[in-house]
Amino acid sequence: MTLRAVPLLPEPVCVSPDTSLLDALQLMLDKGVNHIPVCDRGAWAGLVDINDVLGELLPVSARGERGLQDLRFVGDGVALIAGHLKDLANKPVREVELHDLPALDEDTPLLEAALLLHRHAAPLPVLGADGKLKGMLSRRTLLAHLMAQAGS
């Protein structure tokens, strides 16, 4: 059985690489999702996730493995974060490192899709023969499909 049999997540909303991070964040919050696909003229370009946006709100000195670990000296930081939120309106999605995930096609066997989902934290893109994004495959979607098949 291949991915053709699996109902993908609802029609994904793709943002362009020029979409502001603030607009991408608002879209994630409105849709209740943690990831938004990025498409360049309809073609898969990568994935931006809510953690990328959260990282942009942190002081540069605190980002990364070797960054500051203790930010108590800043206080509650609301003013700092609010200032960074405003900056997100002027920062396009293309300026953050997009998650480059393995793309699946509709003929990908379910076992291969399961293995790839197990290895990656985010849903995976499913592309049509034309290279356009058809939808996103999540663990929940695949497991629900497998459960339904096992119960049949």
N, C-alpha and C. Protein backbone atom coordinates (compact mmCIF):
# COMPACT_ATOMS: atom_id res chain seq x y z
N MET A 1 0.85 -1.17 0.00
CA MET A 1 0.00 0.00 0.00
C MET A 1 0.90 1.24 0.00
N THR A 2 0.44 2.27 -0.71
CA THR A 2 1.22 3.51 -0.80
C THR A 2 0.45 4.66 -0.15
N LEU A 3 1.07 5.82 -0.18
CA LEU A 3 0.45 7.01 0.42
C LEU A 3 -0.82 7.45 -0.31
N ARG A 4 -1.05 6.96 -1.52
CA ARG A 4 -2.28 7.32 -2.24
C ARG A 4 -3.52 6.95 -1.41
N ALA A 5 -3.39 5.93 -0.56
CA ALA A 5 -4.53 5.46 0.23
C ALA A 5 -4.74 6.26 1.51
N VAL A 6 -3.79 7.10 1.86
CA VAL A 6 -3.85 7.82 3.14
C VAL A 6 -4.40 9.22 2.93
N PRO A 7 -5.45 9.58 3.69
CA PRO A 7 -5.94 10.95 3.59
C PRO A 7 -4.92 11.89 4.26
N LEU A 8 -4.45 12.85 3.51
CA LEU A 8 -3.45 13.79 4.04
C LEU A 8 -4.14 14.83 4.91
N LEU A 9 -3.32 15.58 5.61
CA LEU A 9 -3.86 16.67 6.41
C LEU A 9 -4.66 17.59 5.49
N PRO A 10 -5.60 18.33 6.04
CA PRO A 10 -6.39 19.22 5.18
C PRO A 10 -5.48 20.06 4.30
N GLU A 11 -6.03 20.48 3.19
CA GLU A 11 -5.26 21.26 2.21
C GLU A 11 -4.32 22.22 2.93
N PRO A 12 -3.03 22.03 2.74
CA PRO A 12 -2.09 22.87 3.48
C PRO A 12 -2.08 24.30 2.96
N VAL A 13 -1.87 25.19 3.87
CA VAL A 13 -1.68 26.58 3.50
C VAL A 13 -0.18 26.78 3.38
N CYS A 14 0.24 27.13 2.20
CA CYS A 14 1.66 27.41 1.98
C CYS A 14 1.89 28.90 2.10
N VAL A 15 2.96 29.25 2.76
CA VAL A 15 3.37 30.65 2.74
C VAL A 15 4.55 30.77 1.79
N SER A 16 4.73 31.94 1.26
CA SER A 16 5.87 32.16 0.36
C SER A 16 7.10 32.51 1.19
N PRO A 17 8.28 32.39 0.61
CA PRO A 17 9.50 32.77 1.34
C PRO A 17 9.50 34.24 1.74
N ASP A 18 8.67 35.06 1.08
CA ASP A 18 8.62 36.49 1.38
C ASP A 18 7.61 36.85 2.47
N THR A 19 6.84 35.87 2.92
CA THR A 19 5.87 36.10 4.00
C THR A 19 6.62 36.48 5.27
N SER A 20 6.09 37.44 6.00
CA SER A 20 6.77 37.84 7.24
C SER A 20 6.62 36.74 8.29
N LEU A 21 7.59 36.66 9.18
CA LEU A 21 7.51 35.69 10.28
C LEU A 21 6.31 35.97 11.16
N LEU A 22 5.94 37.24 11.30
CA LEU A 22 4.77 37.58 12.11
C LEU A 22 3.50 37.02 11.47
N ASP A 23 3.38 37.14 10.15
CA ASP A 23 2.21 36.58 9.46
C ASP A 23 2.21 35.06 9.54
N ALA A 24 3.38 34.44 9.41
CA ALA A 24 3.46 32.98 9.53
C ALA A 24 3.06 32.54 10.93
N LEU A 25 3.52 33.26 11.94
CA LEU A 25 3.15 32.95 13.33
C LEU A 25 1.64 33.09 13.51
N GLN A 26 1.07 34.16 13.01
CA GLN A 26 -0.37 34.37 13.17
C GLN A 26 -1.16 33.25 12.50
N LEU A 27 -0.69 32.80 11.35
CA LEU A 27 -1.34 31.70 10.64
C LEU A 27 -1.25 30.41 11.45
N MET A 28 -0.09 30.14 12.04
CA MET A 28 0.06 28.94 12.88
C MET A 28 -0.90 29.01 14.08
N LEU A 29 -0.98 30.17 14.71
CA LEU A 29 -1.86 30.32 15.87
C LEU A 29 -3.32 30.18 15.46
N ASP A 30 -3.70 30.79 14.33
CA ASP A 30 -5.09 30.71 13.85
C ASP A 30 -5.50 29.28 13.52
N LYS A 31 -4.58 28.52 12.92
CA LYS A 31 -4.89 27.16 12.49
C LYS A 31 -4.61 26.12 13.58
N GLY A 32 -3.96 26.54 14.67
CA GLY A 32 -3.65 25.60 15.74
C GLY A 32 -2.61 24.57 15.34
N VAL A 33 -1.63 24.99 14.53
CA VAL A 33 -0.57 24.09 14.07
C VAL A 33 0.79 24.63 14.50
N ASN A 34 1.78 23.75 14.48
CA ASN A 34 3.13 24.14 14.86
C ASN A 34 4.07 24.29 13.67
N HIS A 35 3.58 23.98 12.47
CA HIS A 35 4.41 24.02 11.27
C HIS A 35 3.61 24.61 10.12
N ILE A 36 4.30 25.34 9.27
CA ILE A 36 3.68 25.85 8.05
C ILE A 36 4.62 25.55 6.89
N PRO A 37 4.09 24.90 5.84
CA PRO A 37 4.93 24.67 4.66
C PRO A 37 5.26 25.99 3.96
N VAL A 38 6.43 26.03 3.38
CA VAL A 38 6.87 27.18 2.60
C VAL A 38 6.98 26.72 1.15
N CYS A 39 6.30 27.42 0.27
CA CYS A 39 6.32 27.07 -1.15
C CYS A 39 6.76 28.28 -1.96
N ASP A 40 7.62 28.03 -2.90
CA ASP A 40 8.08 29.08 -3.80
C ASP A 40 7.43 28.84 -5.15
N ARG A 41 6.45 29.66 -5.49
CA ARG A 41 5.66 29.51 -6.71
C ARG A 41 5.02 28.12 -6.78
N GLY A 42 4.51 27.67 -5.64
CA GLY A 42 3.82 26.39 -5.56
C GLY A 42 4.71 25.18 -5.32
N ALA A 43 6.02 25.34 -5.49
CA ALA A 43 6.95 24.23 -5.29
C ALA A 43 7.44 24.22 -3.84
N TRP A 44 7.54 23.03 -3.27
CA TRP A 44 8.02 22.85 -1.90
C TRP A 44 9.37 23.52 -1.71
N ALA A 45 9.50 24.33 -0.66
CA ALA A 45 10.77 25.00 -0.36
C ALA A 45 11.28 24.66 1.03
N GLY A 46 10.41 24.16 1.91
CA GLY A 46 10.82 23.83 3.27
C GLY A 46 9.68 24.03 4.24
N LEU A 47 10.03 24.00 5.51
CA LEU A 47 9.03 24.10 6.57
C LEU A 47 9.53 25.10 7.60
N VAL A 48 8.66 25.97 8.05
CA VAL A 48 8.98 26.86 9.16
C VAL A 48 8.12 26.40 10.32
N ASP A 49 8.72 26.36 11.52
CA ASP A 49 7.90 25.92 12.65
C ASP A 49 7.90 26.96 13.75
N ILE A 50 7.00 26.74 14.69
CA ILE A 50 6.75 27.71 15.74
C ILE A 50 7.99 27.91 16.62
N ASN A 51 8.83 26.88 16.73
CA ASN A 51 10.06 27.02 17.52
C ASN A 51 11.04 27.97 16.84
N ASP A 52 11.03 28.01 15.51
CA ASP A 52 11.87 28.97 14.79
C ASP A 52 11.46 30.39 15.16
N VAL A 53 10.16 30.62 15.23
CA VAL A 53 9.65 31.95 15.57
C VAL A 53 9.99 32.27 17.02
N LEU A 54 9.80 31.31 17.91
CA LEU A 54 10.14 31.53 19.32
C LEU A 54 11.61 31.90 19.46
N GLY A 55 12.47 31.22 18.73
CA GLY A 55 13.90 31.52 18.77
C GLY A 55 14.21 32.95 18.36
N GLU A 56 13.44 33.47 17.42
CA GLU A 56 13.64 34.85 16.98
C GLU A 56 13.27 35.87 18.06
N LEU A 57 12.47 35.46 19.02
CA LEU A 57 12.06 36.36 20.10
C LEU A 57 13.09 36.42 21.22
N LEU A 58 14.00 35.46 21.24
CA LEU A 58 15.03 35.42 22.28
C LEU A 58 16.17 36.36 21.93
N PRO A 59 16.85 36.89 22.94
CA PRO A 59 18.03 37.70 22.65
C PRO A 59 19.06 36.84 21.90
N VAL A 60 19.76 37.46 20.98
CA VAL A 60 20.76 36.74 20.19
C VAL A 60 21.77 36.03 21.10
N SER A 61 22.12 36.66 22.21
CA SER A 61 23.11 36.08 23.11
C SER A 61 22.62 34.80 23.80
N ALA A 62 21.31 34.54 23.74
CA ALA A 62 20.77 33.34 24.39
C ALA A 62 20.50 32.21 23.41
N ARG A 63 20.63 32.48 22.12
CA ARG A 63 20.33 31.46 21.11
C ARG A 63 21.49 30.49 20.98
N GLY A 64 21.16 29.28 20.61
CA GLY A 64 22.20 28.28 20.36
C GLY A 64 22.62 27.55 21.62
N GLU A 65 23.39 26.50 21.43
CA GLU A 65 23.84 25.65 22.52
C GLU A 65 24.73 26.38 23.52
N ARG A 66 25.54 27.28 23.05
CA ARG A 66 26.51 27.96 23.91
C ARG A 66 26.01 29.32 24.38
N GLY A 67 24.74 29.61 24.15
CA GLY A 67 24.18 30.90 24.54
C GLY A 67 23.97 30.99 26.04
N LEU A 68 23.57 32.19 26.46
CA LEU A 68 23.28 32.40 27.88
C LEU A 68 22.23 31.41 28.35
N GLN A 69 22.45 30.82 29.50
CA GLN A 69 21.50 29.85 30.05
C GLN A 69 20.55 30.49 31.05
N ASP A 70 20.96 31.59 31.64
CA ASP A 70 20.18 32.22 32.70
C ASP A 70 19.87 33.65 32.28
N LEU A 71 18.61 33.95 32.08
CA LEU A 71 18.20 35.29 31.66
C LEU A 71 17.40 36.01 32.76
N ARG A 72 17.56 35.57 34.00
CA ARG A 72 16.82 36.21 35.09
C ARG A 72 17.16 37.68 35.24
N PHE A 73 18.35 38.08 34.86
CA PHE A 73 18.76 39.48 35.00
C PHE A 73 17.90 40.41 34.14
N VAL A 74 17.21 39.87 33.16
CA VAL A 74 16.39 40.68 32.26
C VAL A 74 15.05 41.03 32.92
N GLY A 75 14.64 40.28 33.91
CA GLY A 75 13.32 40.47 34.49
C GLY A 75 12.32 39.63 33.72
N ASP A 76 11.08 40.10 33.65
CA ASP A 76 10.08 39.27 32.96
C ASP A 76 10.25 39.31 31.44
N GLY A 77 10.91 40.30 30.90
CA GLY A 77 11.26 40.33 29.48
C GLY A 77 10.13 40.65 28.53
N VAL A 78 8.96 41.05 29.05
CA VAL A 78 7.82 41.31 28.17
C VAL A 78 8.15 42.42 27.17
N ALA A 79 8.76 43.49 27.63
CA ALA A 79 9.09 44.60 26.72
C ALA A 79 10.08 44.14 25.65
N LEU A 80 11.05 43.32 26.05
CA LEU A 80 12.04 42.80 25.11
C LEU A 80 11.36 41.93 24.05
N ILE A 81 10.50 41.04 24.49
CA ILE A 81 9.81 40.14 23.57
C ILE A 81 8.85 40.93 22.67
N ALA A 82 8.15 41.89 23.23
CA ALA A 82 7.22 42.70 22.43
C ALA A 82 7.98 43.43 21.32
N GLY A 83 9.16 43.93 21.64
CA GLY A 83 9.98 44.60 20.63
C GLY A 83 10.39 43.64 19.52
N HIS A 84 10.74 42.43 19.92
CA HIS A 84 11.14 41.43 18.92
C HIS A 84 9.94 40.98 18.08
N LEU A 85 8.74 40.94 18.70
CA LEU A 85 7.54 40.58 17.94
C LEU A 85 7.32 41.58 16.80
N LYS A 86 7.50 42.86 17.10
CA LYS A 86 7.34 43.88 16.07
C LYS A 86 8.37 43.68 14.95
N ASP A 87 9.58 43.24 15.32
CA ASP A 87 10.62 43.00 14.31
C ASP A 87 10.24 41.87 13.35
N LEU A 88 9.43 40.92 13.84
CA LEU A 88 9.03 39.79 13.00
C LEU A 88 8.22 40.23 11.78
N ALA A 89 7.58 41.40 11.88
CA ALA A 89 6.79 41.90 10.75
C ALA A 89 7.68 42.27 9.57
N ASN A 90 8.95 42.56 9.86
CA ASN A 90 9.88 42.97 8.80
C ASN A 90 10.88 41.88 8.42
N LYS A 91 10.72 40.70 9.00
CA LYS A 91 11.66 39.61 8.70
C LYS A 91 10.94 38.53 7.92
N PRO A 92 11.35 38.31 6.66
CA PRO A 92 10.68 37.27 5.87
C PRO A 92 11.08 35.87 6.32
N VAL A 93 10.20 34.93 6.05
CA VAL A 93 10.41 33.53 6.40
C VAL A 93 11.74 33.03 5.83
N ARG A 94 12.12 33.50 4.64
CA ARG A 94 13.35 33.00 4.00
C ARG A 94 14.61 33.31 4.79
N GLU A 95 14.52 34.21 5.77
CA GLU A 95 15.69 34.57 6.56
C GLU A 95 15.95 33.63 7.74
N VAL A 96 15.02 32.72 8.00
CA VAL A 96 15.29 31.69 9.01
C VAL A 96 15.63 30.42 8.25
N GLU A 97 16.38 29.56 8.89
CA GLU A 97 16.75 28.31 8.24
C GLU A 97 15.54 27.40 8.18
N LEU A 98 15.06 27.16 6.96
CA LEU A 98 13.88 26.31 6.79
C LEU A 98 14.27 24.86 7.03
N HIS A 99 13.34 24.10 7.52
CA HIS A 99 13.57 22.67 7.74
C HIS A 99 13.46 21.98 6.40
N ASP A 100 14.55 21.38 5.97
CA ASP A 100 14.59 20.67 4.71
C ASP A 100 14.31 19.20 5.01
N LEU A 101 13.09 18.80 4.77
CA LEU A 101 12.64 17.45 5.10
C LEU A 101 12.60 16.59 3.86
N PRO A 102 12.71 15.29 4.04
CA PRO A 102 12.57 14.42 2.87
C PRO A 102 11.14 14.52 2.34
N ALA A 103 11.03 14.73 1.05
CA ALA A 103 9.72 14.82 0.43
C ALA A 103 9.28 13.43 -0.01
N LEU A 104 8.03 13.15 0.23
CA LEU A 104 7.43 11.88 -0.17
C LEU A 104 6.62 12.12 -1.44
N ASP A 105 6.38 11.06 -2.18
CA ASP A 105 5.44 11.18 -3.29
C ASP A 105 4.30 10.21 -3.03
N GLU A 106 3.27 10.29 -3.83
CA GLU A 106 2.08 9.48 -3.58
C GLU A 106 2.33 7.98 -3.71
N ASP A 107 3.42 7.60 -4.36
CA ASP A 107 3.73 6.19 -4.52
C ASP A 107 4.71 5.67 -3.46
N THR A 108 4.99 6.48 -2.45
CA THR A 108 5.86 6.04 -1.36
C THR A 108 5.14 4.95 -0.57
N PRO A 109 5.78 3.80 -0.37
CA PRO A 109 5.17 2.74 0.44
C PRO A 109 4.96 3.20 1.89
N LEU A 110 3.91 2.72 2.52
CA LEU A 110 3.59 3.14 3.88
C LEU A 110 4.70 2.84 4.87
N LEU A 111 5.39 1.72 4.71
CA LEU A 111 6.47 1.39 5.65
C LEU A 111 7.61 2.40 5.54
N GLU A 112 7.93 2.80 4.32
CA GLU A 112 8.98 3.82 4.14
C GLU A 112 8.54 5.15 4.74
N ALA A 113 7.28 5.53 4.52
CA ALA A 113 6.75 6.77 5.10
C ALA A 113 6.82 6.72 6.62
N ALA A 114 6.46 5.57 7.21
CA ALA A 114 6.51 5.42 8.66
C ALA A 114 7.93 5.58 9.19
N LEU A 115 8.89 4.99 8.49
CA LEU A 115 10.29 5.09 8.90
C LEU A 115 10.76 6.54 8.85
N LEU A 116 10.43 7.25 7.77
CA LEU A 116 10.86 8.64 7.64
C LEU A 116 10.18 9.53 8.68
N LEU A 117 8.91 9.29 8.95
CA LEU A 117 8.23 10.07 10.00
C LEU A 117 8.86 9.82 11.36
N HIS A 118 9.26 8.58 11.61
CA HIS A 118 9.90 8.25 12.88
C HIS A 118 11.22 9.01 13.06
N ARG A 119 11.90 9.28 11.97
CA ARG A 119 13.21 9.93 12.02
C ARG A 119 13.16 11.45 12.04
N HIS A 120 12.01 12.02 11.78
CA HIS A 120 11.90 13.48 11.69
C HIS A 120 10.80 13.98 12.62
N ALA A 121 11.05 15.12 13.23
CA ALA A 121 10.12 15.64 14.23
C ALA A 121 8.87 16.28 13.62
N ALA A 122 8.93 16.66 12.37
CA ALA A 122 7.83 17.40 11.75
C ALA A 122 7.06 16.51 10.77
N PRO A 123 5.83 16.93 10.43
CA PRO A 123 5.12 16.25 9.35
C PRO A 123 5.95 16.35 8.07
N LEU A 124 5.74 15.40 7.16
CA LEU A 124 6.52 15.38 5.92
C LEU A 124 5.66 15.79 4.74
N PRO A 125 6.27 16.49 3.79
CA PRO A 125 5.52 16.92 2.60
C PRO A 125 5.30 15.75 1.65
N VAL A 126 4.13 15.76 1.03
CA VAL A 126 3.82 14.80 -0.03
C VAL A 126 3.65 15.62 -1.30
N LEU A 127 4.48 15.31 -2.28
CA LEU A 127 4.49 16.08 -3.53
C LEU A 127 3.84 15.28 -4.64
N GLY A 128 3.17 16.00 -5.53
CA GLY A 128 2.62 15.38 -6.73
C GLY A 128 3.72 15.20 -7.76
N ALA A 129 3.38 14.59 -8.87
CA ALA A 129 4.35 14.36 -9.95
C ALA A 129 4.90 15.67 -10.49
N ASP A 130 4.14 16.75 -10.35
CA ASP A 130 4.57 18.06 -10.84
C ASP A 130 5.46 18.80 -9.84
N GLY A 131 5.76 18.18 -8.70
CA GLY A 131 6.60 18.80 -7.68
C GLY A 131 5.85 19.76 -6.77
N LYS A 132 4.56 19.89 -6.97
CA LYS A 132 3.74 20.78 -6.13
C LYS A 132 3.30 20.04 -4.87
N LEU A 133 3.15 20.78 -3.81
CA LEU A 133 2.76 20.21 -2.53
C LEU A 133 1.30 19.74 -2.59
N LYS A 134 1.08 18.47 -2.31
CA LYS A 134 -0.28 17.90 -2.28
C LYS A 134 -0.84 17.94 -0.87
N GLY A 135 0.04 17.86 0.11
CA GLY A 135 -0.39 17.85 1.50
C GLY A 135 0.76 17.47 2.41
N MET A 136 0.47 17.42 3.69
CA MET A 136 1.46 17.05 4.69
C MET A 136 1.00 15.76 5.36
N LEU A 137 1.96 14.87 5.59
CA LEU A 137 1.68 13.60 6.26
C LEU A 137 2.20 13.68 7.69
N SER A 138 1.30 13.55 8.64
CA SER A 138 1.69 13.57 10.05
C SER A 138 1.69 12.16 10.61
N ARG A 139 2.32 11.98 11.75
CA ARG A 139 2.30 10.70 12.44
C ARG A 139 0.87 10.31 12.78
N ARG A 140 0.13 11.28 13.30
CA ARG A 140 -1.25 11.03 13.72
C ARG A 140 -2.09 10.53 12.53
N THR A 141 -1.94 11.17 11.37
CA THR A 141 -2.69 10.77 10.18
C THR A 141 -2.32 9.36 9.76
N LEU A 142 -1.02 9.08 9.71
CA LEU A 142 -0.59 7.75 9.28
C LEU A 142 -1.03 6.67 10.27
N LEU A 143 -0.87 6.94 11.56
CA LEU A 143 -1.26 5.95 12.57
C LEU A 143 -2.77 5.73 12.59
N ALA A 144 -3.54 6.78 12.40
CA ALA A 144 -5.00 6.62 12.34
C ALA A 144 -5.39 5.76 11.14
N HIS A 145 -4.71 5.98 10.02
CA HIS A 145 -4.99 5.17 8.82
C HIS A 145 -4.62 3.71 9.08
N LEU A 146 -3.46 3.48 9.69
CA LEU A 146 -3.04 2.11 9.97
C LEU A 146 -3.99 1.41 10.94
N MET A 147 -4.45 2.15 11.94
CA MET A 147 -5.42 1.58 12.91
C MET A 147 -6.71 1.20 12.20
N ALA A 148 -7.16 2.07 11.31
CA ALA A 148 -8.40 1.79 10.57
C ALA A 148 -8.23 0.56 9.70
N GLN A 149 -7.06 0.43 9.08
CA GLN A 149 -6.80 -0.73 8.22
C GLN A 149 -6.71 -2.02 9.03
N ALA A 150 -6.12 -1.94 10.21
CA ALA A 150 -5.96 -3.12 11.05
C ALA A 150 -7.32 -3.59 11.59
N GLY A 151 -8.25 -2.64 11.77
CA GLY A 151 -9.56 -2.96 12.28
C GLY A 151 -10.49 -3.51 11.21
N SER A 152 -10.09 -3.36 9.97
CA SER A 152 -10.97 -3.82 8.86
C SER A 152 -10.93 -5.31 8.70
